[in-house]
Structure formats: structure tokens, C-alpha cells
Amino acid sequence: MSTSRGELPRALILAGGRGLRLQPFTFSIPKPLIPLGERAMLEILVRQLLAAGVPRIFVALNYLARLIRVYLRNLEEQEGIHCACLQEDEPLGTAGAMGLLPAEAETTIVCNADVLTDLRWADLLACHRREEADLTIAGVRHVQTLPYGSLQTDEQTGFQGWSERQTLCRLVSAGIYVAGPRAVGAVVPGERIDMPELARRVREGGGRVAVFEHAGTWFDVGDWPQYERAAAAFASNPGLFVEPFVGVRP
């Protein structure tokens, strides 16, 4: 098990992506700073983590890093909300940025910066502890209806059947993880590595990988249709996503 019951982990927000599917908007504004209501997506996520009691937040930067640093500096000066920035000289993948963290073997929440969700972080951490996991992957159900007829075939007899607009439901990664000391220590500083490879590395090393299924609201704000849906959901009920944050953190 990675975290004692009373211990709160640090968090690492991955904010270095180029936001290619949101161009031309992201030519001049990094995706984590795209607004939902009056706040950037990144700020909403930071406030969620602070409200959950996460003591230290790191933000991994690459593309248009200067703009994100300015935004976070203003947030600290105006509201006392502090985040430590980590610079990726080259993109390190969805797990590689953990190699930039301070060397302490600590449990770490890792989250993509372009996620809008009502996930309760305490529930995710409780699952990680209960499963005695070294790496926990948050998952959500994704329903997709195929736009074409699906053919079923057999090598011997050929055509077997035909299904129109088949609906598929899969549990997919939500871009949110809890990495225990074993998983954090499995990342070699400076290497590019994604979470699927890290999960394989942890399992092959004798570690345990768990899955936490989130049944609530979740948006991967990676393209315009998803952004429009996320913006509408946030506008209709912002309190669902931003818990009250009272007081100034040291």
C-alpha cells in the first residue's frame, strides 16, 4: 500500500500539451488556460485539489509555458494559491513528468490539465488505499454509436450477420491516476514514458494496478465539441465542479 490512511498526497498536473485539436485557438493560448466561465480549466482543477486538502501541487509545463507561469503567478499574488512549476524541455509523455518531481518517494495524484470532472478525490484515494495499489487508474464509461452497419463474418462460411448503428460501451482512462512510491520510482528521470507503459512496468515488477470507476460527470476537453459540452455543463452548474476554497495557503 502506498499511502497511510491519514496522509494526503501531492498532485502533478500535466499542462504541457499543444492542444492540436483546439487550433487555431491554441496557437496563442495554451489549452490549460482556455476558460470555462470566468476561470481557466487549470485553475478549476487546482481549486478542486486544494479543496480536497492536497498539500502540494506541481504543474508540468512545455508548450507556451511562459503564459501558464504568468497565470499561476497572478493566482498566487491575488489569492495565495501556490503551484510549483516543472519545465519539460521535451515532451515526456503522460508519466514521464513524474521524473521531474522532488526525489521523495511520495504518493502522487497525476491528472491531465484538460479534464473537467466532478470526481471526488477522497473517493479515488480511498480506492487506492483499499486496493493496496501501487498505481490506480480512474476510468469512465464511454458510449459510442458506430455510424455504419457492423458486419459479422466467419472465415469458413462468410457472412454471419449485420447490426445497424451498434452501440459500444467501454471503460476508458479518465486521464487521472494515483501513483504510489513504487510507480513514481519506476520512472527514470528524463525518460519519455506514457501511463500504459508505466502500468505494464509496475505489474511486471510485482506491483498492483487498480482501477477506480467514476460514474459521475467527466469531459476530456480536447476538441471543440467536447469544449462546448464542458462549457455548457459548467455554466449550468459551476458549483458541481468547484468546491469552496477558504483561506490562503502558505
Protein backbone atom coordinates (compact mmCIF):
# COMPACT_ATOMS: atom_id res chain seq x y z
CA MET A 1 0.00 0.00 0.00
CA SER A 2 1.27 3.46 -0.93
CA THR A 3 -0.37 5.96 1.41
CA SER A 4 -1.21 5.80 5.08
CA ARG A 5 -4.87 6.44 5.90
CA GLY A 6 -4.34 9.95 7.22
CA GLU A 7 -1.78 11.08 4.68
CA LEU A 8 -2.68 13.33 1.76
CA PRO A 9 -0.60 13.02 -1.42
CA ARG A 10 0.91 15.69 -3.59
CA ALA A 11 -0.51 16.31 -7.07
CA LEU A 12 1.04 16.69 -10.51
CA ILE A 13 -0.98 18.38 -13.26
CA LEU A 14 0.15 17.71 -16.83
CA ALA A 15 -0.16 21.04 -18.65
CA GLY A 16 2.43 20.79 -21.41
CA GLY A 17 0.33 19.66 -24.39
CA ARG A 18 -0.02 21.65 -27.60
CA GLY A 19 -3.81 21.29 -27.91
CA LEU A 20 -3.67 20.45 -31.62
CA ARG A 21 -7.39 19.65 -31.88
CA LEU A 22 -8.27 23.08 -30.46
CA GLN A 23 -6.32 25.07 -33.04
CA PRO A 24 -6.32 27.89 -34.06
CA PHE A 25 -7.27 28.93 -30.51
CA THR A 26 -4.23 27.21 -29.05
CA PHE A 27 -1.80 28.94 -31.42
CA SER A 28 -1.69 31.78 -28.87
CA ILE A 29 -3.31 30.37 -25.70
CA PRO A 30 -2.20 27.09 -24.10
CA LYS A 31 -5.06 24.63 -23.68
CA PRO A 32 -4.98 24.63 -19.85
CA LEU A 33 -5.76 28.36 -19.88
CA ILE A 34 -8.85 28.07 -22.07
CA PRO A 35 -11.68 29.47 -19.93
CA LEU A 36 -14.73 27.74 -18.53
CA GLY A 37 -16.85 30.55 -17.19
CA GLU A 38 -14.52 33.10 -15.60
CA ARG A 39 -11.73 30.62 -14.79
CA ALA A 40 -9.14 28.71 -16.77
CA MET A 41 -9.52 24.92 -16.84
CA LEU A 42 -6.23 24.66 -14.98
CA GLU A 43 -7.43 26.92 -12.17
CA ILE A 44 -10.62 24.87 -11.72
CA LEU A 45 -8.54 21.73 -11.30
CA VAL A 46 -6.14 23.43 -8.87
CA ARG A 47 -9.05 24.65 -6.75
CA GLN A 48 -10.58 21.19 -6.68
CA LEU A 49 -7.35 19.68 -5.40
CA LEU A 50 -6.87 22.38 -2.77
CA ALA A 51 -10.46 21.96 -1.56
CA ALA A 52 -9.78 18.23 -1.22
CA GLY A 53 -6.84 19.03 1.06
CA VAL A 54 -3.96 18.19 -1.29
CA PRO A 55 -0.99 19.98 0.30
CA ARG A 56 1.34 20.46 -2.69
CA ILE A 57 0.55 20.93 -6.36
CA PHE A 58 3.11 20.73 -9.18
CA VAL A 59 2.36 21.72 -12.77
CA ALA A 60 4.42 20.25 -15.63
CA LEU A 61 4.89 22.73 -18.49
CA ASN A 62 6.17 22.70 -22.05
CA TYR A 63 4.14 24.43 -24.77
CA LEU A 64 3.62 28.18 -24.12
CA ALA A 65 4.94 27.64 -20.61
CA ARG A 66 5.58 31.33 -20.01
CA LEU A 67 1.87 32.18 -20.24
CA ILE A 68 0.94 29.49 -17.73
CA ARG A 69 3.66 30.66 -15.36
CA VAL A 70 2.29 34.22 -15.52
CA TYR A 71 -1.25 32.99 -14.85
CA LEU A 72 -0.16 30.93 -11.85
CA ARG A 73 1.98 33.76 -10.52
CA ASN A 74 -1.03 36.10 -10.66
CA LEU A 75 -3.16 33.48 -8.93
CA GLU A 76 -0.63 33.29 -6.11
CA GLU A 77 -0.28 37.06 -5.78
CA GLN A 78 -4.03 37.68 -5.77
CA GLU A 79 -5.31 34.67 -3.79
CA GLY A 80 -2.32 32.98 -2.18
CA ILE A 81 -2.76 29.81 -4.22
CA HIS A 82 0.69 28.39 -4.88
CA CYS A 83 1.70 25.84 -7.52
CA ALA A 84 5.28 24.76 -8.24
CA CYS A 85 6.13 24.69 -11.94
CA LEU A 86 8.23 21.93 -13.55
CA GLN A 87 9.67 22.51 -17.03
CA GLU A 88 9.72 19.75 -19.64
CA ASP A 89 12.43 20.66 -22.15
CA GLU A 90 10.95 17.98 -24.40
CA PRO A 91 7.54 16.32 -24.03
CA LEU A 92 7.92 13.45 -21.55
CA GLY A 93 4.59 11.66 -22.05
CA THR A 94 1.76 11.14 -19.60
CA ALA A 95 4.00 9.52 -16.97
CA GLY A 96 7.47 10.91 -17.66
CA ALA A 97 6.89 14.23 -15.90
CA MET A 98 6.95 12.36 -12.59
CA GLY A 99 10.70 12.13 -13.15
CA LEU A 100 10.86 15.91 -12.61
CA LEU A 101 9.32 15.77 -9.14
CA PRO A 102 11.39 16.13 -5.98
CA ALA A 103 13.08 12.84 -5.26
CA GLU A 104 10.97 11.87 -2.23
CA ALA A 105 9.11 8.60 -2.83
CA GLU A 106 5.63 10.02 -2.28
CA THR A 107 2.20 9.02 -3.44
CA THR A 108 1.18 11.42 -6.23
CA ILE A 109 -2.12 12.25 -7.90
CA VAL A 110 -1.43 12.73 -11.62
CA CYS A 111 -4.02 14.45 -13.78
CA ASN A 112 -4.31 15.87 -17.29
CA ALA A 113 -4.94 19.61 -17.25
CA ASP A 114 -7.74 19.40 -19.82
CA VAL A 115 -10.13 17.36 -17.69
CA LEU A 116 -13.37 18.75 -16.25
CA THR A 117 -14.95 16.38 -13.75
CA ASP A 118 -16.96 16.19 -10.56
CA LEU A 119 -14.82 13.28 -9.32
CA ARG A 120 -14.31 13.34 -5.57
CA TRP A 121 -10.62 12.96 -4.91
CA ALA A 122 -11.21 11.40 -1.49
CA ASP A 123 -13.10 8.53 -3.14
CA LEU A 124 -10.26 7.94 -5.60
CA LEU A 125 -7.68 7.88 -2.79
CA ALA A 126 -9.87 5.58 -0.69
CA CYS A 127 -9.95 3.10 -3.59
CA HIS A 128 -6.16 3.33 -3.95
CA ARG A 129 -5.69 2.52 -0.26
CA ARG A 130 -8.37 -0.15 -0.12
CA GLU A 131 -6.88 -1.99 -3.09
CA GLU A 132 -3.36 -1.60 -1.67
CA ALA A 133 -2.40 -0.42 -5.14
CA ASP A 134 0.87 0.90 -6.48
CA LEU A 135 -0.94 2.59 -9.37
CA THR A 136 -4.64 3.39 -9.61
CA ILE A 137 -6.24 4.43 -12.90
CA ALA A 138 -9.50 6.38 -12.86
CA GLY A 139 -11.87 5.19 -15.57
CA VAL A 140 -15.16 6.38 -17.03
CA ARG A 141 -17.73 4.67 -19.25
CA HIS A 142 -17.58 5.89 -22.84
CA VAL A 143 -20.54 5.10 -25.09
CA GLN A 144 -20.03 5.26 -28.84
CA THR A 145 -22.53 4.52 -31.58
CA LEU A 146 -20.93 3.32 -34.80
CA PRO A 147 -22.15 5.38 -37.77
CA TYR A 148 -22.12 2.35 -40.10
CA GLY A 149 -23.59 -1.11 -40.22
CA SER A 150 -21.39 -3.69 -38.48
CA LEU A 151 -20.86 -6.97 -40.33
CA GLN A 152 -20.20 -10.26 -38.58
CA THR A 153 -18.22 -12.74 -40.63
CA ASP A 154 -16.75 -16.20 -40.29
CA GLU A 155 -13.65 -17.45 -42.12
CA GLN A 156 -15.39 -20.62 -43.25
CA THR A 157 -18.93 -19.52 -44.11
CA GLY A 158 -18.50 -15.78 -44.71
CA PHE A 159 -21.41 -13.52 -43.81
CA GLN A 160 -22.99 -14.22 -40.40
CA GLY A 161 -25.00 -11.15 -39.55
CA TRP A 162 -25.50 -7.41 -39.78
CA SER A 163 -26.03 -4.88 -36.95
CA GLU A 164 -27.05 -1.30 -37.75
CA ARG A 165 -25.55 1.52 -35.67
CA GLN A 166 -24.17 -0.74 -32.99
CA THR A 167 -23.58 0.94 -29.62
CA LEU A 168 -20.35 0.16 -27.80
CA CYS A 169 -19.66 0.89 -24.14
CA ARG A 170 -16.10 0.74 -22.88
CA LEU A 171 -14.33 1.70 -19.67
CA VAL A 172 -11.69 4.23 -20.74
CA SER A 173 -8.95 6.08 -18.91
CA ALA A 174 -10.08 9.40 -17.46
CA GLY A 175 -6.55 10.85 -17.55
CA ILE A 176 -6.45 10.78 -13.73
CA TYR A 177 -4.19 8.49 -11.70
CA VAL A 178 -2.79 7.84 -8.24
CA ALA A 179 0.85 6.73 -8.37
CA GLY A 180 2.35 5.20 -5.24
CA PRO A 181 6.07 5.26 -4.42
CA ARG A 182 6.74 2.11 -6.47
CA ALA A 183 5.14 3.63 -9.58
CA VAL A 184 6.83 7.02 -9.10
CA GLY A 185 10.17 5.29 -8.59
CA ALA A 186 9.69 3.26 -11.78
CA VAL A 187 10.03 6.44 -13.88
CA VAL A 188 13.60 7.18 -14.91
CA PRO A 189 14.26 10.94 -14.72
CA GLY A 190 14.37 12.41 -18.21
CA GLU A 191 12.75 9.46 -19.99
CA ARG A 192 9.64 9.78 -22.13
CA ILE A 193 7.04 7.30 -20.92
CA ASP A 194 3.25 7.10 -21.07
CA MET A 195 0.91 5.68 -18.45
CA PRO A 196 0.15 2.39 -20.27
CA GLU A 197 3.87 1.58 -20.34
CA LEU A 198 4.24 2.56 -16.69
CA ALA A 199 1.31 0.31 -15.72
CA ARG A 200 2.97 -2.60 -17.53
CA ARG A 201 6.29 -1.82 -15.82
CA VAL A 202 4.66 -1.75 -12.39
CA ARG A 203 2.88 -5.07 -12.93
CA GLU A 204 5.97 -6.77 -14.30
CA GLY A 205 7.85 -5.58 -11.23
CA GLY A 206 5.35 -7.30 -8.95
CA GLY A 207 3.25 -4.22 -8.18
CA ARG A 208 -0.53 -3.91 -8.15
CA VAL A 209 -2.53 -1.79 -10.62
CA ALA A 210 -6.12 -0.95 -9.64
CA VAL A 211 -9.00 0.74 -11.46
CA PHE A 212 -11.42 3.26 -9.94
CA GLU A 213 -14.60 3.69 -11.97
CA HIS A 214 -16.06 7.20 -11.79
CA ALA A 215 -19.78 7.21 -12.54
CA GLY A 216 -20.23 10.98 -12.47
CA THR A 217 -19.54 13.81 -14.90
CA TRP A 218 -16.33 13.87 -16.91
CA PHE A 219 -15.18 15.76 -20.00
CA ASP A 220 -11.94 15.39 -21.93
CA VAL A 221 -11.75 18.95 -23.23
CA GLY A 222 -9.58 18.03 -26.20
CA ASP A 223 -11.64 19.26 -29.16
CA TRP A 224 -14.30 21.85 -29.90
CA PRO A 225 -17.40 19.64 -29.48
CA GLN A 226 -16.14 18.46 -26.09
CA TYR A 227 -15.22 22.01 -25.09
CA GLU A 228 -18.71 23.25 -25.97
CA ARG A 229 -20.32 20.47 -23.91
CA ALA A 230 -17.98 21.11 -20.98
CA ALA A 231 -18.60 24.87 -21.11
CA ALA A 232 -22.36 24.33 -21.13
CA ALA A 233 -22.17 21.91 -18.19
CA PHE A 234 -20.00 24.31 -16.21
CA ALA A 235 -22.25 27.30 -16.95
CA SER A 236 -25.36 25.41 -15.83
CA ASN A 237 -23.87 24.27 -12.51
CA PRO A 238 -20.41 25.63 -11.68
CA GLY A 239 -20.72 24.54 -8.05
CA LEU A 240 -20.62 20.91 -9.18
CA PHE A 241 -17.01 21.35 -10.25
CA VAL A 242 -15.53 23.99 -7.93
CA GLU A 243 -15.71 23.18 -4.24
CA PRO A 244 -15.39 26.11 -1.83
CA PHE A 245 -11.78 27.03 -1.07
CA VAL A 246 -11.49 29.03 2.12
CA GLY A 247 -8.32 30.67 3.35
CA VAL A 248 -4.90 31.34 1.92
CA ARG A 249 -2.41 28.50 1.73
CA PRO A 250 1.14 29.18 2.97
